[in-house]
Every structure is written in structure tokens, then in C-alpha cells.
Protein backbone atom coordinates (compact mmCIF):
# COMPACT_ATOMS: atom_id res chain seq x y z
CA MET A 1 -42.82 3.15 -22.39
CA LYS A 2 -43.17 3.70 -18.67
CA PRO A 3 -46.59 4.87 -17.38
CA LEU A 4 -45.55 8.39 -16.32
CA GLU A 5 -43.26 9.27 -19.23
CA GLY A 6 -43.81 12.85 -20.37
CA LEU A 7 -44.70 14.17 -16.91
CA VAL A 8 -42.44 16.70 -15.20
CA VAL A 9 -42.12 16.64 -11.40
CA LEU A 10 -40.46 19.42 -9.41
CA ASP A 11 -39.08 18.06 -6.15
CA PHE A 12 -38.51 20.84 -3.59
CA SER A 13 -38.29 18.37 -0.72
CA GLN A 14 -35.36 17.02 1.25
CA TYR A 15 -34.37 14.11 3.49
CA LEU A 16 -36.65 11.09 2.94
CA SER A 17 -40.43 11.41 2.77
CA GLY A 18 -40.80 13.82 -0.17
CA PRO A 19 -37.73 12.57 -2.07
CA SER A 20 -38.88 8.95 -1.71
CA ALA A 21 -42.20 9.89 -3.32
CA ALA A 22 -40.41 11.72 -6.13
CA LEU A 23 -38.13 8.70 -6.59
CA ARG A 24 -41.09 6.38 -7.08
CA LEU A 25 -42.60 8.77 -9.65
CA ALA A 26 -39.23 8.83 -11.43
CA ASP A 27 -39.09 5.03 -11.46
CA LEU A 28 -42.54 5.02 -13.03
CA GLY A 29 -41.24 7.21 -15.85
CA ALA A 30 -41.71 10.81 -14.73
CA ARG A 31 -38.94 13.34 -15.20
CA VAL A 32 -37.99 14.57 -11.72
CA ILE A 33 -36.09 17.82 -11.22
CA LYS A 34 -34.79 18.52 -7.70
CA ILE A 35 -34.85 22.18 -6.76
CA GLU A 36 -31.92 22.65 -4.39
CA ARG A 37 -30.40 25.52 -2.47
CA PRO A 38 -26.95 26.63 -3.63
CA GLU A 39 -23.82 25.11 -2.08
CA THR A 40 -25.46 22.74 0.44
CA GLY A 41 -28.45 21.43 -1.52
CA ASP A 42 -30.71 18.78 0.01
CA SER A 43 -29.59 18.25 3.63
CA CYS A 44 -29.78 14.50 3.03
CA ARG A 45 -26.54 14.82 1.05
CA GLN A 46 -24.75 14.80 4.41
CA LEU A 47 -27.03 12.36 6.26
CA SER A 48 -24.76 9.34 6.10
CA LEU A 49 -25.54 5.82 7.22
CA ASN A 50 -22.56 4.00 8.71
CA ASN A 51 -20.40 6.99 7.65
CA LEU A 52 -20.71 5.85 4.03
CA LEU A 53 -20.13 8.58 1.42
CA SER A 54 -19.62 8.54 -2.34
CA ASP A 55 -18.32 11.54 -4.29
CA GLY A 56 -18.99 13.81 -1.30
CA ASP A 57 -22.63 12.79 -0.83
CA SER A 58 -24.10 10.18 1.49
CA VAL A 59 -24.90 6.84 -0.08
CA LEU A 60 -28.39 7.35 1.37
CA PHE A 61 -28.72 10.44 -0.82
CA HIS A 62 -27.57 8.48 -3.85
CA THR A 63 -30.10 5.78 -3.07
CA ILE A 64 -33.15 7.99 -2.69
CA ASN A 65 -32.30 10.59 -5.34
CA ARG A 66 -31.15 8.45 -8.23
CA ASN A 67 -32.96 8.97 -11.52
CA LYS A 68 -33.35 12.74 -10.94
CA GLU A 69 -31.91 16.02 -12.21
CA SER A 70 -30.79 18.93 -10.01
CA TYR A 71 -31.57 22.60 -10.49
CA GLN A 72 -29.78 24.96 -8.11
CA ALA A 73 -31.82 28.00 -7.08
CA ASP A 74 -31.90 30.43 -4.17
CA LEU A 75 -35.63 30.83 -3.59
CA LYS A 76 -34.97 34.06 -1.68
CA ASP A 77 -33.29 35.57 -4.74
CA SER A 78 -35.82 37.30 -6.99
CA ASP A 79 -34.15 36.26 -10.25
CA ASP A 80 -33.88 32.63 -9.23
CA LEU A 81 -37.46 32.66 -7.98
CA ILE A 82 -38.70 33.93 -11.33
CA LYS A 83 -36.89 31.07 -13.07
CA VAL A 84 -38.39 28.55 -10.69
CA LYS A 85 -41.87 29.93 -11.33
CA LYS A 86 -41.20 29.55 -15.05
CA LEU A 87 -40.43 25.89 -14.39
CA ILE A 88 -43.64 25.58 -12.38
CA GLU A 89 -45.61 26.88 -15.37
CA GLN A 90 -44.41 23.87 -17.36
CA ALA A 91 -44.56 21.20 -14.64
CA ASP A 92 -47.19 18.58 -13.90
CA VAL A 93 -46.40 17.84 -10.25
CA MET A 94 -44.70 19.75 -7.44
CA ILE A 95 -43.62 18.26 -4.10
CA GLU A 96 -42.54 20.07 -0.92
CA ASN A 97 -42.02 18.99 2.69
CA PHE A 98 -41.15 22.15 4.58
CA ARG A 99 -42.70 23.21 7.87
CA PRO A 100 -46.14 24.83 7.50
CA GLY A 101 -45.93 28.40 6.26
CA THR A 102 -42.47 28.17 4.70
CA MET A 103 -43.62 27.90 1.09
CA GLY A 104 -46.20 30.63 1.68
CA LYS A 105 -43.45 33.08 2.66
CA LEU A 106 -41.78 32.37 -0.68
CA GLY A 107 -45.00 32.76 -2.64
CA LEU A 108 -44.91 29.06 -3.53
CA ASP A 109 -47.81 27.72 -1.48
CA TYR A 110 -50.54 25.86 -3.34
CA GLU A 111 -52.87 28.82 -3.87
CA SER A 112 -50.02 30.88 -5.34
CA VAL A 113 -48.75 28.02 -7.49
CA LYS A 114 -52.26 27.25 -8.73
CA ARG A 115 -52.46 30.75 -10.14
CA ILE A 116 -49.24 30.09 -12.05
CA ASN A 117 -50.34 26.64 -13.25
CA PRO A 118 -53.98 25.67 -12.56
CA LYS A 119 -53.43 22.09 -13.74
CA ILE A 120 -50.55 21.29 -11.39
CA VAL A 121 -50.82 18.54 -8.80
CA TYR A 122 -49.21 19.90 -5.64
CA GLY A 123 -47.96 17.43 -3.02
CA SER A 124 -47.29 18.71 0.49
CA VAL A 125 -45.75 16.77 3.40
CA THR A 126 -45.81 18.03 6.98
CA GLY A 127 -44.91 16.43 10.27
CA TYR A 128 -48.24 16.78 12.05
CA GLY A 129 -50.59 18.58 9.68
CA LYS A 130 -51.00 22.31 9.21
CA GLU A 131 -53.14 22.93 12.28
CA GLY A 132 -53.02 22.12 15.97
CA PRO A 133 -50.46 22.51 18.75
CA TRP A 134 -47.85 20.24 17.12
CA LYS A 135 -47.74 21.87 13.69
CA GLY A 136 -44.41 23.60 14.36
CA LYS A 137 -42.63 20.60 15.87
CA PRO A 138 -39.79 18.98 13.93
CA GLY A 139 -41.11 16.22 11.67
CA GLN A 140 -38.47 13.58 12.32
CA ASP A 141 -39.05 9.84 12.02
CA LEU A 142 -37.99 8.68 15.51
CA LEU A 143 -39.83 11.55 17.20
CA ILE A 144 -43.06 10.69 15.41
CA GLN A 145 -42.67 6.96 16.04
CA SER A 146 -42.45 7.90 19.71
CA LEU A 147 -45.47 10.21 19.74
CA SER A 148 -47.64 7.81 17.76
CA GLY A 149 -47.43 4.92 20.22
CA LEU A 150 -45.68 2.70 17.68
CA ALA A 151 -42.71 2.01 19.93
CA TRP A 152 -44.93 0.20 22.45
CA LEU A 153 -45.63 -2.55 19.90
CA ASN A 154 -42.02 -3.66 19.49
CA GLY A 155 -39.74 -5.60 21.79
CA ASN A 156 -40.75 -7.89 24.64
CA GLY A 157 -43.07 -6.96 27.48
CA ASP A 158 -40.28 -6.37 29.96
CA GLN A 159 -38.43 -3.98 27.65
CA PRO A 160 -38.81 -0.21 27.36
CA PRO A 161 -40.46 1.18 24.19
CA VAL A 162 -38.55 -0.04 21.13
CA PRO A 163 -38.56 1.92 17.86
CA PHE A 164 -38.45 0.39 14.40
CA ALA A 165 -34.86 0.46 13.23
CA LEU A 166 -35.91 1.86 9.86
CA ALA A 167 -37.38 5.19 8.70
CA VAL A 168 -40.83 3.63 8.48
CA VAL A 169 -42.64 6.93 9.07
CA ASP A 170 -40.89 8.71 6.21
CA LEU A 171 -41.28 5.85 3.77
CA PHE A 172 -44.95 5.18 4.46
CA THR A 173 -45.65 8.90 4.15
CA GLY A 174 -43.86 9.00 0.81
CA ALA A 175 -45.93 6.05 -0.40
CA HIS A 176 -49.16 7.76 0.67
CA LEU A 177 -48.09 10.93 -1.13
CA VAL A 178 -47.53 8.96 -4.33
CA GLN A 179 -50.99 7.42 -4.03
CA GLY A 180 -52.61 10.84 -3.68
CA ILE A 181 -50.59 12.34 -6.53
CA LEU A 182 -51.45 9.49 -8.90
CA ALA A 183 -55.14 9.78 -7.97
CA CYS A 184 -55.10 13.50 -8.78
CA LEU A 185 -53.28 12.85 -12.06
CA VAL A 186 -55.99 10.37 -13.03
CA ARG A 187 -58.66 12.96 -12.20
CA ARG A 188 -56.76 15.62 -14.14
CA GLY A 189 -56.68 13.30 -17.13
CA ARG A 190 -60.47 13.18 -17.05
CA THR A 191 -61.31 16.73 -16.03
CA GLY A 192 -58.23 18.88 -16.60
CA ILE A 193 -58.29 19.88 -12.92
CA GLY A 194 -55.16 19.73 -10.78
CA GLY A 195 -55.23 19.42 -7.03
CA LEU A 196 -53.58 19.64 -3.64
CA VAL A 197 -52.42 16.41 -1.97
CA GLU A 198 -51.57 16.74 1.73
CA VAL A 199 -50.05 14.03 3.91
CA SER A 200 -48.40 14.16 7.30
CA LEU A 201 -45.90 11.88 8.95
CA LEU A 202 -48.11 11.43 12.00
CA GLU A 203 -51.25 10.54 10.04
CA SER A 204 -49.33 8.08 7.89
CA ILE A 205 -47.88 6.18 10.83
CA LEU A 206 -51.26 6.16 12.54
CA ASP A 207 -52.70 4.61 9.39
CA PHE A 208 -49.86 2.07 9.47
CA GLN A 209 -51.23 0.99 12.87
CA PHE A 210 -54.84 0.80 11.67
CA GLU A 211 -55.36 -2.85 12.66
CA VAL A 212 -54.21 -2.51 16.24
CA LEU A 213 -55.63 0.98 16.75
CA THR A 214 -59.01 -0.29 15.58
CA THR A 215 -58.73 -3.09 18.14
CA HIS A 216 -57.90 -0.55 20.86
CA LEU A 217 -60.84 1.65 19.90
CA ASN A 218 -63.26 -1.26 20.13
CA ASP A 219 -62.00 -3.37 23.06
CA GLY A 220 -62.71 -0.87 25.80
CA GLY A 221 -59.49 1.04 25.36
CA GLN A 222 -57.11 -1.67 26.48
CA LEU A 223 -53.48 -0.82 25.85
CA PRO A 224 -51.33 -3.28 23.89
CA VAL A 225 -49.62 -5.92 26.01
CA ARG A 226 -46.45 -7.28 24.48
CA SER A 227 -45.57 -10.90 25.04
CA SER A 228 -42.68 -11.30 27.44
CA VAL A 229 -41.34 -14.18 25.33
CA ASN A 230 -40.26 -13.65 21.72
CA ASN A 231 -42.80 -10.91 21.02
CA ALA A 232 -43.57 -10.31 17.35
CA HIS A 233 -47.10 -8.87 17.56
CA ALA A 234 -48.76 -7.49 20.68
CA TYR A 235 -52.22 -8.65 19.58
CA LEU A 236 -51.49 -12.15 18.29
CA GLY A 237 -51.29 -15.33 20.32
CA ALA A 238 -48.72 -18.11 20.32
CA PRO A 239 -46.78 -19.33 18.45
CA TYR A 240 -46.22 -16.01 16.62
CA GLY A 241 -42.55 -15.11 17.02
CA ILE A 242 -38.92 -15.90 16.26
CA TYR A 243 -37.28 -18.72 18.22
CA GLU A 244 -33.71 -19.80 18.75
CA THR A 245 -32.77 -23.26 17.49
CA ALA A 246 -29.65 -25.37 17.98
CA ASP A 247 -27.85 -23.53 15.18
CA GLY A 248 -29.89 -20.45 14.29
CA TYR A 249 -33.43 -19.13 14.42
CA LEU A 250 -36.90 -20.14 13.26
CA ALA A 251 -39.91 -17.90 12.61
CA LEU A 252 -43.38 -19.26 13.35
CA ALA A 253 -46.44 -17.38 12.12
CA MET A 254 -50.02 -17.87 13.26
CA GLY A 255 -51.21 -21.48 13.41
CA SER A 256 -52.66 -24.21 15.59
CA ILE A 257 -50.75 -24.92 18.79
CA ILE A 258 -52.06 -28.48 18.81
CA ARG A 259 -50.85 -29.04 15.24
CA VAL A 260 -47.41 -27.52 15.79
CA GLY A 261 -47.06 -29.61 18.95
CA GLU A 262 -47.75 -32.75 16.95
CA LEU A 263 -45.35 -31.81 14.17
CA LEU A 264 -42.56 -30.92 16.58
CA GLU A 265 -43.31 -33.83 18.94
CA CYS A 266 -43.72 -31.36 21.78
CA ASP A 267 -46.21 -33.19 24.01
CA ALA A 268 -46.47 -30.34 26.52
CA LEU A 269 -48.50 -28.31 24.02
CA ALA A 270 -51.33 -30.87 23.88
CA SER A 271 -52.93 -29.40 27.02
CA PHE A 272 -53.72 -26.12 25.23
CA SER A 273 -56.68 -27.47 23.27
CA ASP A 274 -58.81 -24.32 23.65
CA PRO A 275 -57.73 -21.82 20.94
CA LYS A 276 -58.47 -18.93 23.34
CA THR A 277 -55.56 -20.05 25.51
CA TRP A 278 -53.19 -19.50 22.60
CA PHE A 279 -53.49 -15.79 23.44
CA THR A 280 -54.29 -15.82 27.16
CA CYS A 281 -51.47 -18.29 27.88
CA ARG A 282 -49.16 -17.22 25.10
CA ASP A 283 -46.14 -16.58 27.32
CA GLU A 284 -46.40 -20.05 28.84
CA ILE A 285 -46.83 -21.66 25.43
CA LYS A 286 -43.99 -19.69 23.88
CA SER A 287 -41.70 -20.56 26.77
CA ILE A 288 -42.37 -24.26 26.16
CA LEU A 289 -41.70 -23.81 22.44
CA ALA A 290 -38.57 -21.76 23.05
CA ALA A 291 -37.02 -24.50 25.16
CA HIS A 292 -38.08 -27.29 22.81
CA LEU A 293 -36.85 -25.64 19.61
CA LYS A 294 -33.31 -25.28 20.96
CA THR A 295 -32.93 -29.06 20.86
CA ARG A 296 -32.60 -29.36 17.08
CA THR A 297 -31.36 -27.37 14.10
CA THR A 298 -33.43 -24.95 12.05
CA GLN A 299 -33.35 -27.26 9.04
CA ALA A 300 -34.52 -30.19 11.13
CA TRP A 301 -37.59 -28.25 12.25
CA LEU A 302 -38.25 -26.88 8.76
CA GLY A 303 -38.12 -30.45 7.48
CA ARG A 304 -41.10 -31.25 9.67
CA LEU A 305 -43.09 -28.05 9.33
CA GLU A 306 -42.79 -27.12 5.66
CA PRO A 307 -44.09 -30.43 4.21
CA ALA A 308 -47.14 -30.00 6.45
CA ASP A 309 -47.62 -26.43 5.15
CA TYR A 310 -47.25 -24.97 8.63
CA TRP A 311 -46.28 -21.31 8.25
CA CYS A 312 -42.62 -21.00 9.15
CA ALA A 313 -39.32 -19.64 7.85
CA ASP A 314 -35.60 -19.65 8.41
CA VAL A 315 -34.25 -16.31 9.69
CA TYR A 316 -31.65 -15.12 7.20
CA THR A 317 -28.86 -12.64 7.57
CA TRP A 318 -28.26 -10.41 4.55
CA ASP A 319 -25.19 -12.35 3.44
CA ARG A 320 -27.20 -15.58 3.31
CA LEU A 321 -30.13 -13.86 1.62
CA LEU A 322 -28.03 -12.30 -1.13
CA GLU A 323 -26.49 -15.68 -1.99
CA HIS A 324 -29.80 -17.53 -2.17
CA GLU A 325 -31.31 -18.37 -5.55
CA GLY A 326 -34.68 -17.11 -4.32
CA PHE A 327 -33.20 -13.64 -3.99
CA LYS A 328 -31.09 -13.80 -7.14
CA THR A 329 -34.15 -14.69 -9.21
CA LEU A 330 -35.73 -11.33 -8.33
CA ASN A 331 -32.84 -9.29 -9.81
CA MET A 332 -33.41 -6.69 -7.11
CA ILE A 333 -29.94 -5.15 -7.35
CA GLN A 334 -29.02 -2.55 -9.95
CA GLU A 335 -25.76 -0.71 -10.49
CA ILE A 336 -25.65 3.06 -10.85
CA THR A 337 -22.61 5.17 -11.67
CA ARG A 338 -22.20 8.91 -11.30
CA PRO A 339 -19.74 9.91 -14.04
CA GLY A 340 -16.16 9.83 -12.82
CA THR A 341 -16.92 7.89 -9.64
CA PRO A 342 -17.04 4.20 -8.69
CA SER A 343 -20.34 2.39 -9.22
CA LEU A 344 -22.86 1.92 -6.43
CA ARG A 345 -25.05 -1.16 -6.08
CA MET A 346 -28.56 -0.55 -4.78
CA THR A 347 -32.06 -1.94 -4.91
CA ARG A 348 -34.34 -1.26 -7.85
CA CYS A 349 -37.99 -0.23 -7.85
CA PRO A 350 -40.06 -3.23 -6.68
CA ILE A 351 -42.85 -2.60 -9.22
CA ARG A 352 -43.18 -4.42 -12.54
CA ILE A 353 -45.33 -3.15 -15.41
CA ASN A 354 -46.49 -5.73 -17.96
CA GLY A 355 -43.82 -8.06 -16.67
CA THR A 356 -41.01 -5.52 -17.05
CA ARG A 357 -38.91 -4.50 -14.07
CA LEU A 358 -38.60 -0.75 -13.55
CA GLU A 359 -34.85 -0.29 -13.55
CA SER A 360 -32.80 2.85 -14.10
CA ASP A 361 -29.14 3.75 -14.53
CA LYS A 362 -29.49 7.51 -13.91
CA TRP A 363 -27.35 8.66 -11.00
CA ALA A 364 -28.21 11.03 -8.18
CA PRO A 365 -27.14 14.47 -9.48
CA ARG A 366 -24.59 16.85 -8.05
CA ILE A 367 -26.02 20.18 -6.83
CA GLY A 368 -27.05 22.22 -9.86
CA GLU A 369 -25.70 19.62 -12.26
CA ASP A 370 -28.48 20.30 -14.76
CA ASN A 371 -28.87 24.08 -14.49
CA GLU A 372 -27.37 24.84 -17.88
CA SER A 373 -29.37 22.26 -19.83
CA LEU A 374 -32.62 23.09 -18.01
CA ASP A 375 -32.13 26.83 -18.55
CA LYS A 376 -31.93 26.18 -22.29
CA GLU A 377 -34.71 23.61 -22.51
CA PHE A 378 -37.27 25.53 -20.45
CA LEU A 379 -36.12 28.95 -21.69
CA LEU A 380 -35.26 30.03 -18.17
CA SER A 381 -32.29 32.13 -19.30
CA GLU A 382 -34.73 34.39 -21.16
CA VAL A 383 -36.72 35.14 -18.02
CA SER A 384 -36.35 38.67 -16.71
CA HIS A 385 -38.20 40.95 -14.33
């Protein structure tokens, strides 16, 4: 039995942050019902990556909305709204990620929903919070990466700001929402009281930067300075970075410059005996390393570093990773099939409970795929004005 079995989650959200939180709850055993607008549904259905679609929906949608059901409802239609409120009466969790004020106009803000179901845990995602001059701005991942200062941590010092090439803002926000929801569910189990969980994209990505922001707040307000050579962390000294070798690349984490110089037989590093210089002279040190490491293969260097337990790694491409026994042992890939369509391979939930992997074979639903069954089960067809 999965930990959240028996709980019903209503997912009103779209795109990534809210749906990723609902997905994690589904993987943990909750029953997740997507509430979608007629005809178009969740806008993520058409947000394709690499133009990849399956059965009319983006593979991204399939990935982040597997293991859910879909209930089609026009929230501006009074009859549909009554049915949705009937669902809310019987739900445990509700998630929405609309701009501030949207749910209030529909009568589905937390205070209204709490009157329908006092025990519900209500999760709300915004871009920038519900107050302040930015509250109405579009809450999009790249825009918030840019506003948060995150882009000045990536790339080398001579490059313009470089964003993360992943939706890190959305996914961290979804994870924070799950944490808050689970905390409120634990409290409800003890007290019977529901609660409102609020997260914002901006606050989540600021929290993601807590180490370096804390440094900035306590070092006199110095701005991050990226290394001009193989930057991997604006606040760490040499050798931290990824280096080209004779046939590939090698990652070096934090460690002694003197020790790595000995292991690699790079005599030029012996002059940097003061650990403080590993940061103040990091570009010089990394330039020496970069030239030296090109003289031999990745495996040759690993053969020296790994037996000495110096923190290092090969730099894999996905094709090499997927063929490696270290990856295969994890069984991270699961296959999911929407009836009548070819199967899709995708990653599973990374969590294990009592040694059991949390896998699922439930597909991402078509719009309104479950209306008929949900109407019967939750007696929604009997609802009238």
C-alpha cells in the first residue's frame, strides 16, 4: 500500500509547477483528478519539447500528467461549477496555479472552498506572491530565473547571463508545494484541521540560491564573480569545474590543489600551497589544469584520481549513461501506454518506500476521459441547482 492511498487530489493547475506537485502526490498513492477546461484542457498539452507529440498531446504533458484522471468542466458554467464544488466536498487536497484573484472570481479561492470543505488542504502557486508590484506579471520559468539573479551564476565570467536549460523554477516550486501539502496533511491527521499552502516561483528559486545569497548578505554585498575558466560555481575555488581531456571531459569537485597536482604529475600546481589562493588565483590554477588535462584521456586521469579517492567523474552523454550498468541497476525507466497508442518510455518517481520503487502504468488522460465514471462515483450527475 502506498502512503497516500485513499486521498483524493483535485488538480486545477496547468503547465509544470502545480501538475508536477500533483504528479508526486499521485506517485505516492493519491488519486489525482485533473480539472480541465473543455476542448483545450491544460495548456501544457500543446507545449511540446523538440516538437514531440503523442496522440495529439505533447510528450511533456504525458510525462508530467501520467497517473491522473481528467474531469472536463467549464468553471464559468453554473452547472459545471456546481459539480466541481460537489467534488471539492469529497476531496482531501486541491491545487491551483492561476494568477492571483482568478480563483476568487470563480468562487473557488481558499476561503470559499474552506466553507465547502473545512478539512481540505488547499495548495496555491503564484509567480511572485499575492502582493507587491510583480503580482500580476506572468509566472514563467525563464522570466523568473532572470529576475532572481540565478542567470549570473552560470557560464564563464566573460559570458552574458546564462539560464539553466531546465525548468528548475517550476520543478523546485512543485517540490516545495508537495512539502507544504504533506505537512498540512500530517497536521490534519492529528487535529482534523485543513490548511492553505502558498508557494511562489520567485520565493522557491530564491530558496534554491540560499547558500550563495547568504554569502552575499554577509560578505558586504559583493556580487558573484564567475570564474573565466571552466566555471561551475561562482563561490568555489579551483579545481571545481569540467575540463577537456584528450578524448572527452573530466569533472573535478572541491579538493586540494597540491594533492591533485601530485596525482596528475602537474608540477606547476605545487606553488599554490596556500589554500586561500585556490579561490583568489582560481583562474590561473584552472588554466594550468585545463592545459595539462588535455594531454591524456579521461580514463587515464580517472585511473590516477579514483584510487586516491579524489572527487572526480567522467562526463557522460545520455547514450553512454543509459547503457551503463550503474544506470540500469536503478530501473529508472518505466513504460506507459495510453490505450490505442504506442507506448512511451519515461522516468519513474525517484522515491522508494520500504525498498519498493514507486512505479505506475497509468497514462496521462485525454481531456474529460473520466467524466462519466466520476459523475457516477461522486454522484455528480444528481447535482442540480
